[in-house]
Amino acid sequence: MNTRVLGIELRRSVAPWAGAVILAPALTFLYLLDGEWRSGTTAWTAQWTSMALWIRSLLFYLWPLAVGLGALQGLRDHRSKMSELLTTTSRPARHRAAMLAGTTAITLASAFALLVLVGGVQVVANTEYMHLGWLPISLVGAFSLVAGAVLGMGAGRALPSVLTPPALAMGAFVFTTLMYMSLGRTETTTAAGVPVTEPNRISLLSPTVVEEEVREAFVTLSASVHVGQTIWLLGMAATGFALLVAATPRARLIALTPVLAGAVIALLVLPSDPRRMYVVDKAAAELVCDGPVCVTKTQQARLADLAGPGKEALRLLHGALGSQAPDSVRENTAALPEGSTPRWSRSTVLFDFDDDIVATAKGQQLTWALIAKGMVPGCTPVGWSGFGDDEFAQAVALGWVLGDLKPFPGTLSRREVDTKARPVWKELKALPRAEQLSRINAMRAAALSCKGDPFDVLSGGASR
């Protein structure tokens, strides 16, 4: 590509504005709006994979903009009334098309790369775990902007009307919305009978990433998703370029072949099972341990602060439960579908750094939080938020282990503990030791299996 001609294109086309239009809203969204992308272990500045997935999720809005801006660029010759003049020049149409598409592609890819760079600089400061698994996610995201813009250029050249850019942008937005809400989701029911929706194969034709899937720092897109999406985007870009050089209605009709073929081949490659779309990155989920206390590689910097409280929690649990006590503390690496029932272990205290009672706890408070998780881990469906009797059962169980009700880490206030948990704790402590232990073991059985009400058991009722 001739650098002098490229410079002229950059000065006289909408390409630089396209980059600015992509970059400015994205940074505004990430920095000025509050949301899940700004906090927790999956914040966009916390881990490499989370950063790449959150930036990809912005394509829900940015990709339609790229398509519309591409269409505006494709109208340039028509607006300047130079179409007939350019067809009489000796320069091949494909050369002019390559220069037109290349300038926009460079600016859009540069804008996306700058977004990744801004996030990457902050990720480096926040994690010790370095890897390249985020790179395919970001490359496919950048390519989707380029392919969408080239398709828009071709459509703008084939349909030279002032209505084409807004119509294409709106059509692209409707496409991403349908992939997110209806066409790209399949209704199903969990084992507990809870109705949920899961992404299907068609949803992967959208360049964006569903925000609900950015739940764990060690969950990423599978290789088959990258390959299938790349095939689809190649077909999209090929059709856009073919429309740019097509001079007859028949040629424009033939130009649709690549995008249709790309969609068919991509659907054959893309996985149909949601559990093969978003998968656990085994390297990121590998455990790093200090004795019986383990965290994933993504959180290895937090092991030093967790080891002491974790070992103390195990000691106190063993003193209270004896042989029934768990013997290890481990960060939970299970990646379960949204709405499914959590799975817990009797021998291991499983926790997540984003748990309400763990997230901000330190020192002694962290020890208490881990004891509570070991006794009543909680049965709120995966990806949901809720508040109920599990929290009161945790408070009573923690008080039983420690010998007194303590300020409970997390969402419970002292007043709530005194009002609902303290009467049950007093009733439990008034029982003979053997009966206390029997009721605690029954409570743990209900809590770990998620088939009963732990607080009801502690209150003397029967497990549901």
Protein backbone atom coordinates (compact mmCIF):
# COMPACT_ATOMS: atom_id res chain seq x y z
CA MET A 1 0.00 0.00 0.00
CA ASN A 2 1.48 3.32 -1.10
CA THR A 3 2.12 5.39 2.03
CA ARG A 4 1.54 8.72 0.25
CA VAL A 5 -1.84 7.59 -1.05
CA LEU A 6 -2.62 6.14 2.38
CA GLY A 7 -1.91 9.51 3.99
CA ILE A 8 -4.22 11.26 1.53
CA GLU A 9 -6.97 8.70 2.24
CA LEU A 10 -6.59 9.21 5.97
CA ARG A 11 -6.91 12.99 5.59
CA ARG A 12 -9.85 12.98 3.19
CA SER A 13 -11.93 10.02 4.35
CA VAL A 14 -14.02 9.28 7.43
CA ALA A 15 -11.51 6.62 8.53
CA PRO A 16 -9.91 8.66 11.36
CA TRP A 17 -13.36 9.60 12.62
CA ALA A 18 -14.34 5.95 12.58
CA GLY A 19 -11.49 5.15 14.97
CA ALA A 20 -12.46 8.04 17.26
CA VAL A 21 -16.14 7.06 17.23
CA ILE A 22 -15.19 3.54 18.30
CA LEU A 23 -12.63 4.53 20.93
CA ALA A 24 -14.39 7.40 22.73
CA PRO A 25 -17.69 5.62 23.60
CA ALA A 26 -15.82 2.49 24.66
CA LEU A 27 -13.58 4.33 27.12
CA THR A 28 -16.55 6.34 28.39
CA PHE A 29 -18.49 3.13 28.98
CA LEU A 30 -15.64 1.40 30.80
CA TYR A 31 -14.55 4.31 32.98
CA LEU A 32 -17.64 6.41 33.65
CA LEU A 33 -20.43 3.84 33.92
CA ASP A 34 -20.60 1.55 36.93
CA GLY A 35 -21.06 -2.18 36.42
CA GLU A 36 -19.66 -5.66 36.92
CA TRP A 37 -16.73 -4.83 34.64
CA ARG A 38 -15.31 -2.46 37.28
CA SER A 39 -15.12 -4.70 40.36
CA GLY A 40 -14.28 -8.18 41.56
CA THR A 41 -11.97 -10.84 40.19
CA THR A 42 -13.41 -10.44 36.68
CA ALA A 43 -13.00 -6.68 36.40
CA TRP A 44 -11.75 -5.59 33.00
CA THR A 45 -8.48 -4.45 34.58
CA ALA A 46 -8.02 -7.48 36.87
CA GLN A 47 -7.10 -10.36 34.54
CA TRP A 48 -6.09 -10.73 30.89
CA THR A 49 -8.95 -12.99 29.82
CA SER A 50 -11.55 -10.90 31.65
CA MET A 51 -10.20 -7.77 29.98
CA ALA A 52 -10.46 -9.31 26.52
CA LEU A 53 -13.99 -10.61 27.13
CA TRP A 54 -15.30 -7.34 28.56
CA ILE A 55 -13.90 -5.37 25.61
CA ARG A 56 -15.49 -7.90 23.25
CA SER A 57 -18.82 -7.37 25.03
CA LEU A 58 -18.69 -3.70 23.95
CA LEU A 59 -19.06 -4.84 20.33
CA PHE A 60 -22.78 -5.12 21.08
CA TYR A 61 -22.78 -1.34 20.43
CA LEU A 62 -19.50 -0.78 18.59
CA TRP A 63 -19.97 -3.30 15.78
CA PRO A 64 -23.18 -1.66 14.44
CA LEU A 65 -21.32 1.67 14.52
CA ALA A 66 -18.49 0.17 12.46
CA VAL A 67 -20.96 -1.20 9.90
CA GLY A 68 -22.70 2.18 9.60
CA LEU A 69 -19.43 4.11 9.31
CA GLY A 70 -18.24 1.67 6.66
CA ALA A 71 -21.40 2.32 4.66
CA LEU A 72 -20.80 6.06 4.95
CA GLN A 73 -17.29 5.54 3.59
CA GLY A 74 -18.68 3.45 0.74
CA LEU A 75 -20.89 6.36 -0.33
CA ARG A 76 -17.94 8.71 -0.85
CA ASP A 77 -17.62 8.32 -4.63
CA HIS A 78 -21.38 8.60 -5.11
CA ARG A 79 -21.59 11.76 -2.99
CA SER A 80 -18.74 13.38 -4.93
CA LYS A 81 -20.32 12.29 -8.27
CA MET A 82 -17.04 10.66 -9.35
CA SER A 83 -18.22 7.09 -9.90
CA GLU A 84 -18.34 7.30 -13.70
CA LEU A 85 -15.03 9.18 -13.85
CA LEU A 86 -13.22 6.58 -11.75
CA THR A 87 -14.46 3.73 -13.96
CA THR A 88 -12.68 5.32 -16.94
CA THR A 89 -9.25 5.30 -15.23
CA SER A 90 -6.72 2.59 -15.92
CA ARG A 91 -6.26 1.75 -12.26
CA PRO A 92 -8.03 -1.54 -11.39
CA ALA A 93 -11.13 -1.21 -9.23
CA ARG A 94 -9.69 -3.67 -6.73
CA HIS A 95 -6.76 -1.32 -6.05
CA ARG A 96 -9.08 1.57 -5.23
CA ALA A 97 -11.23 -0.74 -3.11
CA ALA A 98 -8.19 -2.04 -1.22
CA MET A 99 -7.05 1.50 -0.42
CA LEU A 100 -10.54 2.54 0.68
CA ALA A 101 -11.01 -0.55 2.87
CA GLY A 102 -7.42 -0.52 4.13
CA THR A 103 -7.53 2.96 5.65
CA THR A 104 -10.70 2.24 7.60
CA ALA A 105 -9.42 -1.19 8.63
CA ILE A 106 -6.21 0.32 9.98
CA THR A 107 -7.96 2.97 12.04
CA LEU A 108 -10.58 0.59 13.46
CA ALA A 109 -8.00 -2.06 14.33
CA SER A 110 -5.78 0.62 15.88
CA ALA A 111 -8.66 1.94 17.99
CA PHE A 112 -9.45 -1.56 19.23
CA ALA A 113 -5.76 -2.24 19.91
CA LEU A 114 -5.55 0.98 21.92
CA LEU A 115 -8.50 -0.17 24.02
CA VAL A 116 -6.69 -3.44 24.72
CA LEU A 117 -3.48 -1.55 25.49
CA VAL A 118 -5.23 0.72 28.01
CA GLY A 119 -6.67 -2.32 29.76
CA GLY A 120 -3.46 -4.33 29.48
CA VAL A 121 -1.34 -1.69 31.21
CA GLN A 122 -3.66 -1.86 34.21
CA VAL A 123 -3.87 -5.66 34.17
CA VAL A 124 -0.08 -5.89 34.38
CA ALA A 125 -0.24 -3.91 37.61
CA ASN A 126 -3.02 -6.06 39.09
CA THR A 127 -2.01 -9.67 38.42
CA GLU A 128 1.06 -11.87 38.46
CA TYR A 129 -0.45 -14.40 36.04
CA MET A 130 0.69 -13.70 32.49
CA HIS A 131 -0.49 -15.68 29.46
CA LEU A 132 -1.51 -15.28 25.81
CA GLY A 133 -4.93 -16.92 25.99
CA TRP A 134 -6.55 -13.49 25.74
CA LEU A 135 -4.94 -12.77 22.36
CA PRO A 136 -7.31 -14.80 20.10
CA ILE A 137 -10.31 -13.20 21.82
CA SER A 138 -8.96 -9.72 21.08
CA LEU A 139 -7.82 -10.52 17.53
CA VAL A 140 -11.26 -11.86 16.58
CA GLY A 141 -12.81 -8.74 18.16
CA ALA A 142 -10.62 -6.41 16.10
CA PHE A 143 -11.27 -8.43 12.94
CA SER A 144 -15.03 -8.24 13.53
CA LEU A 145 -14.87 -4.43 13.43
CA VAL A 146 -12.84 -4.55 10.22
CA ALA A 147 -15.11 -7.14 8.57
CA GLY A 148 -18.25 -5.23 9.58
CA ALA A 149 -16.86 -1.96 8.19
CA VAL A 150 -15.83 -3.58 4.88
CA LEU A 151 -19.27 -5.17 4.55
CA GLY A 152 -20.81 -1.77 5.20
CA MET A 153 -18.59 -0.18 2.52
CA GLY A 154 -19.65 -2.76 -0.02
CA ALA A 155 -23.31 -2.31 0.84
CA GLY A 156 -22.92 1.47 0.64
CA ARG A 157 -21.34 1.17 -2.81
CA ALA A 158 -24.04 -1.25 -4.00
CA LEU A 159 -26.93 0.78 -2.52
CA PRO A 160 -25.86 4.43 -2.87
CA SER A 161 -28.46 6.20 -0.73
CA VAL A 162 -28.22 8.53 2.25
CA LEU A 163 -30.48 6.08 4.07
CA THR A 164 -28.07 3.18 3.66
CA PRO A 165 -25.65 3.97 6.56
CA PRO A 166 -28.33 4.46 9.26
CA ALA A 167 -30.34 1.52 7.95
CA LEU A 168 -27.30 -0.78 8.05
CA ALA A 169 -26.28 0.42 11.50
CA MET A 170 -29.77 -0.20 12.82
CA GLY A 171 -29.94 -3.57 11.11
CA ALA A 172 -26.61 -4.58 12.67
CA PHE A 173 -27.85 -3.47 16.09
CA VAL A 174 -31.05 -5.47 15.68
CA PHE A 175 -28.89 -8.48 14.72
CA THR A 176 -26.73 -8.27 17.86
CA THR A 177 -29.85 -7.71 19.99
CA LEU A 178 -31.62 -10.77 18.59
CA MET A 179 -28.49 -12.86 19.15
CA TYR A 180 -28.44 -11.67 22.76
CA MET A 181 -32.16 -12.00 23.53
CA SER A 182 -34.03 -14.52 21.39
CA LEU A 183 -32.52 -16.07 18.27
CA GLY A 184 -29.22 -16.71 20.02
CA ARG A 185 -30.72 -18.17 23.21
CA THR A 186 -32.31 -21.53 23.91
CA GLU A 187 -34.77 -22.02 26.74
CA THR A 188 -33.99 -24.90 29.06
CA THR A 189 -34.65 -26.05 32.61
CA THR A 190 -32.06 -26.84 35.26
CA ALA A 191 -32.03 -30.03 37.33
CA ALA A 192 -33.73 -28.05 40.11
CA GLY A 193 -36.56 -27.08 37.74
CA VAL A 194 -35.44 -23.48 37.28
CA PRO A 195 -36.17 -22.10 33.76
CA VAL A 196 -33.08 -20.48 32.20
CA THR A 197 -31.75 -19.62 28.76
CA GLU A 198 -28.41 -20.71 27.31
CA PRO A 199 -26.48 -19.42 24.29
CA ASN A 200 -26.83 -21.57 21.20
CA ARG A 201 -24.65 -22.02 18.12
CA ILE A 202 -26.31 -19.18 16.21
CA SER A 203 -25.42 -16.69 18.98
CA LEU A 204 -21.74 -17.18 18.14
CA LEU A 205 -22.28 -15.46 14.78
CA SER A 206 -22.53 -12.25 16.79
CA PRO A 207 -19.15 -10.58 17.34
CA THR A 208 -20.00 -9.67 20.92
CA VAL A 209 -19.64 -11.70 24.12
CA VAL A 210 -22.55 -12.13 26.52
CA GLU A 211 -21.78 -10.24 29.74
CA GLU A 212 -23.28 -12.99 31.90
CA GLU A 213 -20.58 -15.38 30.70
CA VAL A 214 -17.76 -13.26 32.17
CA ARG A 215 -18.28 -14.86 35.58
CA GLU A 216 -14.91 -16.46 36.29
CA ALA A 217 -11.39 -15.25 35.55
CA PHE A 218 -10.39 -18.72 34.33
CA VAL A 219 -13.30 -19.19 31.87
CA THR A 220 -12.52 -18.45 28.23
CA LEU A 221 -13.82 -19.09 24.71
CA SER A 222 -12.92 -22.44 23.17
CA ALA A 223 -10.65 -22.83 20.13
CA SER A 224 -13.56 -24.02 17.96
CA VAL A 225 -15.37 -20.74 18.69
CA HIS A 226 -12.35 -18.72 17.50
CA VAL A 227 -12.05 -20.81 14.32
CA GLY A 228 -15.78 -20.69 13.49
CA GLN A 229 -16.04 -16.94 14.08
CA THR A 230 -12.94 -16.26 11.99
CA ILE A 231 -14.43 -18.22 9.07
CA TRP A 232 -17.67 -16.26 9.35
CA LEU A 233 -15.85 -12.92 9.48
CA LEU A 234 -13.65 -13.84 6.51
CA GLY A 235 -16.78 -14.52 4.47
CA MET A 236 -18.24 -11.21 5.62
CA ALA A 237 -15.11 -9.27 4.65
CA ALA A 238 -14.86 -11.08 1.30
CA THR A 239 -18.45 -10.18 0.44
CA GLY A 240 -17.87 -6.55 1.40
CA PHE A 241 -14.77 -6.31 -0.77
CA ALA A 242 -16.51 -8.07 -3.68
CA LEU A 243 -19.37 -5.58 -3.48
CA LEU A 244 -16.86 -2.73 -3.56
CA VAL A 245 -15.46 -3.87 -6.93
CA ALA A 246 -18.68 -5.24 -8.44
CA ALA A 247 -19.93 -3.20 -11.39
CA THR A 248 -23.07 -5.10 -12.45
CA PRO A 249 -26.15 -6.39 -10.63
CA ARG A 250 -25.11 -9.95 -11.42
CA ALA A 251 -21.65 -9.41 -9.94
CA ARG A 252 -23.23 -7.96 -6.79
CA LEU A 253 -25.46 -10.99 -6.47
CA ILE A 254 -22.48 -13.34 -6.84
CA ALA A 255 -20.62 -11.27 -4.24
CA LEU A 256 -23.06 -12.53 -1.59
CA THR A 257 -21.66 -16.06 -1.95
CA PRO A 258 -18.73 -15.69 0.50
CA VAL A 259 -20.83 -14.43 3.41
CA LEU A 260 -23.43 -17.17 2.92
CA ALA A 261 -20.77 -19.85 2.56
CA GLY A 262 -18.94 -18.46 5.59
CA ALA A 263 -22.11 -18.65 7.69
CA VAL A 264 -22.78 -22.27 6.68
CA ILE A 265 -19.20 -23.43 7.30
CA ALA A 266 -19.00 -21.49 10.57
CA LEU A 267 -22.19 -23.13 11.89
CA LEU A 268 -20.66 -26.52 11.12
CA VAL A 269 -17.51 -25.63 13.07
CA LEU A 270 -19.03 -23.76 16.01
CA PRO A 271 -19.94 -25.93 19.03
CA SER A 272 -23.60 -26.58 19.79
CA ASP A 273 -23.14 -27.37 23.49
CA PRO A 274 -22.88 -24.22 25.68
CA ARG A 275 -20.32 -26.06 27.85
CA ARG A 276 -18.03 -26.26 24.80
CA MET A 277 -18.42 -22.56 24.01
CA TYR A 278 -17.16 -21.15 27.30
CA VAL A 279 -14.61 -23.52 28.80
CA VAL A 280 -12.22 -23.59 31.73
CA ASP A 281 -8.69 -22.53 30.90
CA LYS A 282 -6.87 -25.41 32.60
CA ALA A 283 -3.61 -23.48 32.93
CA ALA A 284 -5.36 -20.54 34.60
CA ALA A 285 -7.38 -22.83 36.91
CA GLU A 286 -4.30 -24.79 38.01
CA LEU A 287 -3.99 -24.69 41.79
CA VAL A 288 -1.17 -23.00 43.68
CA CYS A 289 -1.03 -24.16 47.32
CA ASP A 290 0.40 -23.28 50.70
CA GLY A 291 -0.19 -26.51 52.59
CA PRO A 292 -3.93 -27.25 52.63
CA VAL A 293 -4.88 -23.81 51.29
CA CYS A 294 -5.03 -23.45 47.49
CA VAL A 295 -5.96 -20.78 44.95
CA THR A 296 -5.91 -20.71 41.16
CA LYS A 297 -2.99 -19.26 39.25
CA THR A 298 -5.09 -16.23 38.39
CA GLN A 299 -5.26 -15.34 42.10
CA GLN A 300 -1.83 -16.57 43.22
CA ALA A 301 -0.90 -13.09 44.49
CA ARG A 302 -3.61 -13.44 47.16
CA LEU A 303 -2.38 -16.77 48.53
CA ALA A 304 -0.08 -15.18 51.12
CA ASP A 305 -2.99 -13.27 52.71
CA LEU A 306 -5.29 -16.31 52.55
CA ALA A 307 -2.97 -19.04 53.88
CA GLY A 308 -2.94 -18.00 57.53
CA PRO A 309 -6.70 -17.40 57.91
CA GLY A 310 -7.39 -20.57 55.88
CA LYS A 311 -5.28 -22.79 58.15
CA GLU A 312 -6.82 -21.21 61.24
CA ALA A 313 -10.31 -21.85 59.88
CA LEU A 314 -9.46 -25.52 59.32
CA ARG A 315 -8.08 -25.81 62.87
CA LEU A 316 -11.25 -24.35 64.38
CA LEU A 317 -13.50 -26.50 62.21
CA HIS A 318 -11.59 -29.63 63.22
CA GLY A 319 -11.92 -28.69 66.88
CA ALA A 320 -15.68 -28.29 66.48
CA LEU A 321 -16.54 -31.11 64.06
CA GLY A 322 -13.80 -33.66 64.71
CA SER A 323 -13.44 -36.27 61.99
CA GLN A 324 -16.32 -34.72 60.02
CA ALA A 325 -14.38 -31.48 59.47
CA PRO A 326 -13.00 -30.48 56.05
CA ASP A 327 -9.24 -30.82 55.65
CA SER A 328 -8.50 -28.25 52.92
CA VAL A 329 -9.48 -24.81 51.65
CA ARG A 330 -9.63 -24.30 47.89
CA GLU A 331 -10.82 -21.68 45.43
CA ASN A 332 -13.79 -23.08 43.54
CA THR A 333 -12.92 -23.87 39.91
CA ALA A 334 -16.25 -25.37 38.84
CA ALA A 335 -17.69 -23.54 35.82
CA LEU A 336 -21.37 -24.42 35.99
CA PRO A 337 -24.16 -23.14 33.70
CA GLU A 338 -26.13 -20.13 34.87
CA GLY A 339 -29.09 -21.10 37.05
CA SER A 340 -27.68 -24.50 38.02
CA THR A 341 -27.38 -25.65 41.62
CA PRO A 342 -23.89 -25.25 43.15
CA ARG A 343 -21.90 -28.38 44.01
CA TRP A 344 -20.09 -28.55 47.33
CA SER A 345 -17.65 -30.90 49.03
CA ARG A 346 -17.74 -32.23 52.59
CA SER A 347 -13.94 -32.54 52.76
CA THR A 348 -13.02 -29.18 51.18
CA VAL A 349 -14.02 -25.62 51.96
CA LEU A 350 -14.77 -24.22 48.50
CA PHE A 351 -14.96 -20.46 48.11
CA ASP A 352 -14.92 -17.74 45.49
CA PHE A 353 -13.10 -14.44 45.97
CA ASP A 354 -16.26 -12.68 44.75
CA ASP A 355 -18.45 -14.22 47.48
CA ASP A 356 -20.06 -11.46 49.52
CA ILE A 357 -18.61 -12.73 52.79
CA VAL A 358 -15.12 -13.32 51.36
CA ALA A 359 -14.59 -10.39 48.97
CA THR A 360 -13.65 -7.71 51.50
CA ALA A 361 -12.74 -9.88 54.51
CA LYS A 362 -9.19 -9.84 55.85
CA GLY A 363 -7.35 -11.44 58.77
CA GLN A 364 -9.73 -12.69 61.46
CA GLN A 365 -12.79 -11.70 59.42
CA LEU A 366 -11.49 -13.88 56.58
CA THR A 367 -11.09 -16.81 59.00
CA TRP A 368 -14.70 -16.38 60.09
CA ALA A 369 -15.86 -16.13 56.46
CA LEU A 370 -14.11 -19.41 55.56
CA ILE A 371 -15.63 -21.14 58.59
CA ALA A 372 -19.06 -19.95 57.47
CA LYS A 373 -18.44 -21.23 53.93
CA GLY A 374 -17.27 -24.58 55.32
CA MET A 375 -20.42 -24.96 57.39
CA VAL A 376 -23.05 -23.48 55.02
CA PRO A 377 -21.60 -22.80 51.54
CA GLY A 378 -24.88 -21.43 50.14
CA CYS A 379 -27.22 -22.74 47.47
CA THR A 380 -28.15 -19.66 45.44
CA PRO A 381 -28.23 -20.75 41.76
CA VAL A 382 -25.08 -19.99 39.78
CA GLY A 383 -25.05 -16.46 38.37
CA TRP A 384 -27.97 -15.34 40.54
CA SER A 385 -27.97 -13.09 43.59
CA GLY A 386 -30.19 -13.62 46.56
CA PHE A 387 -30.60 -13.30 50.31
CA GLY A 388 -32.33 -15.78 52.58
CA ASP A 389 -32.04 -18.19 55.45
CA ASP A 390 -28.63 -19.48 54.32
CA GLU A 391 -27.02 -16.29 55.64
CA PHE A 392 -28.68 -16.72 59.06
CA ALA A 393 -27.64 -20.38 59.12
CA GLN A 394 -24.07 -19.28 58.42
CA ALA A 395 -24.20 -16.83 61.33
CA VAL A 396 -25.51 -19.48 63.75
CA ALA A 397 -23.04 -22.13 62.54
CA LEU A 398 -20.13 -19.70 62.84
CA GLY A 399 -21.24 -18.73 66.35
CA TRP A 400 -21.43 -22.40 67.28
CA VAL A 401 -17.87 -23.04 66.12
CA LEU A 402 -16.49 -19.93 67.85
CA GLY A 403 -18.58 -20.21 70.99
CA ASP A 404 -20.29 -16.85 70.52
CA LEU A 405 -22.10 -14.92 67.82
CA LYS A 406 -19.62 -12.60 66.12
CA PRO A 407 -20.05 -9.59 63.78
CA PHE A 408 -20.79 -11.55 60.64
CA PRO A 409 -18.71 -10.71 57.51
CA GLY A 410 -20.77 -9.80 54.47
CA THR A 411 -24.32 -8.53 54.18
CA LEU A 412 -25.85 -9.23 57.62
CA SER A 413 -26.08 -6.36 60.10
CA ARG A 414 -25.63 -6.84 63.83
CA ARG A 415 -29.32 -6.12 64.32
CA GLU A 416 -30.34 -8.83 61.85
CA VAL A 417 -28.08 -11.32 63.60
CA ASP A 418 -29.51 -10.47 67.01
CA THR A 419 -33.10 -10.54 65.78
CA LYS A 420 -33.17 -13.84 63.89
CA ALA A 421 -29.94 -15.76 64.46
CA ARG A 422 -29.33 -15.27 68.19
CA PRO A 423 -32.53 -17.03 69.41
CA VAL A 424 -31.66 -20.10 67.30
CA TRP A 425 -28.05 -20.01 68.49
CA LYS A 426 -29.15 -19.86 72.16
CA GLU A 427 -31.54 -22.76 71.64
CA LEU A 428 -28.79 -24.78 69.97
CA LYS A 429 -26.25 -24.07 72.73
CA ALA A 430 -28.76 -25.10 75.40
CA LEU A 431 -28.88 -28.64 74.00
CA PRO A 432 -26.56 -31.44 75.19
CA ARG A 433 -23.29 -31.55 73.24
CA ALA A 434 -24.18 -34.77 71.42
CA GLU A 435 -27.50 -33.34 70.26
CA GLN A 436 -25.82 -30.10 69.19
CA LEU A 437 -23.38 -32.05 67.04
CA SER A 438 -26.19 -34.16 65.59
CA ARG A 439 -28.16 -31.07 64.60
CA ILE A 440 -25.04 -29.40 63.14
CA ASN A 441 -24.24 -32.51 61.07
CA ALA A 442 -27.83 -32.62 59.78
CA MET A 443 -27.59 -28.93 58.94
CA ARG A 444 -24.34 -29.48 57.01
CA ALA A 445 -25.87 -32.40 55.11
CA ALA A 446 -28.74 -30.18 53.99
CA ALA A 447 -26.41 -27.29 53.18
CA LEU A 448 -23.88 -29.33 51.18
CA SER A 449 -26.51 -31.22 49.17
CA CYS A 450 -28.69 -28.12 48.56
CA LYS A 451 -31.71 -30.33 49.25
CA GLY A 452 -32.91 -28.81 52.49
CA ASP A 453 -33.15 -25.64 54.56
CA PRO A 454 -30.11 -25.46 56.89
CA PHE A 455 -31.64 -22.75 59.08
CA ASP A 456 -34.82 -24.79 59.49
CA VAL A 457 -32.72 -27.76 60.61
CA LEU A 458 -30.85 -25.62 63.14
CA SER A 459 -34.21 -24.37 64.43
CA GLY A 460 -35.26 -27.94 65.14
CA GLY A 461 -37.42 -28.43 62.05
CA ALA A 462 -37.12 -31.21 59.51
CA SER A 463 -35.03 -30.80 56.37
CA ARG A 464 -37.25 -30.18 53.33
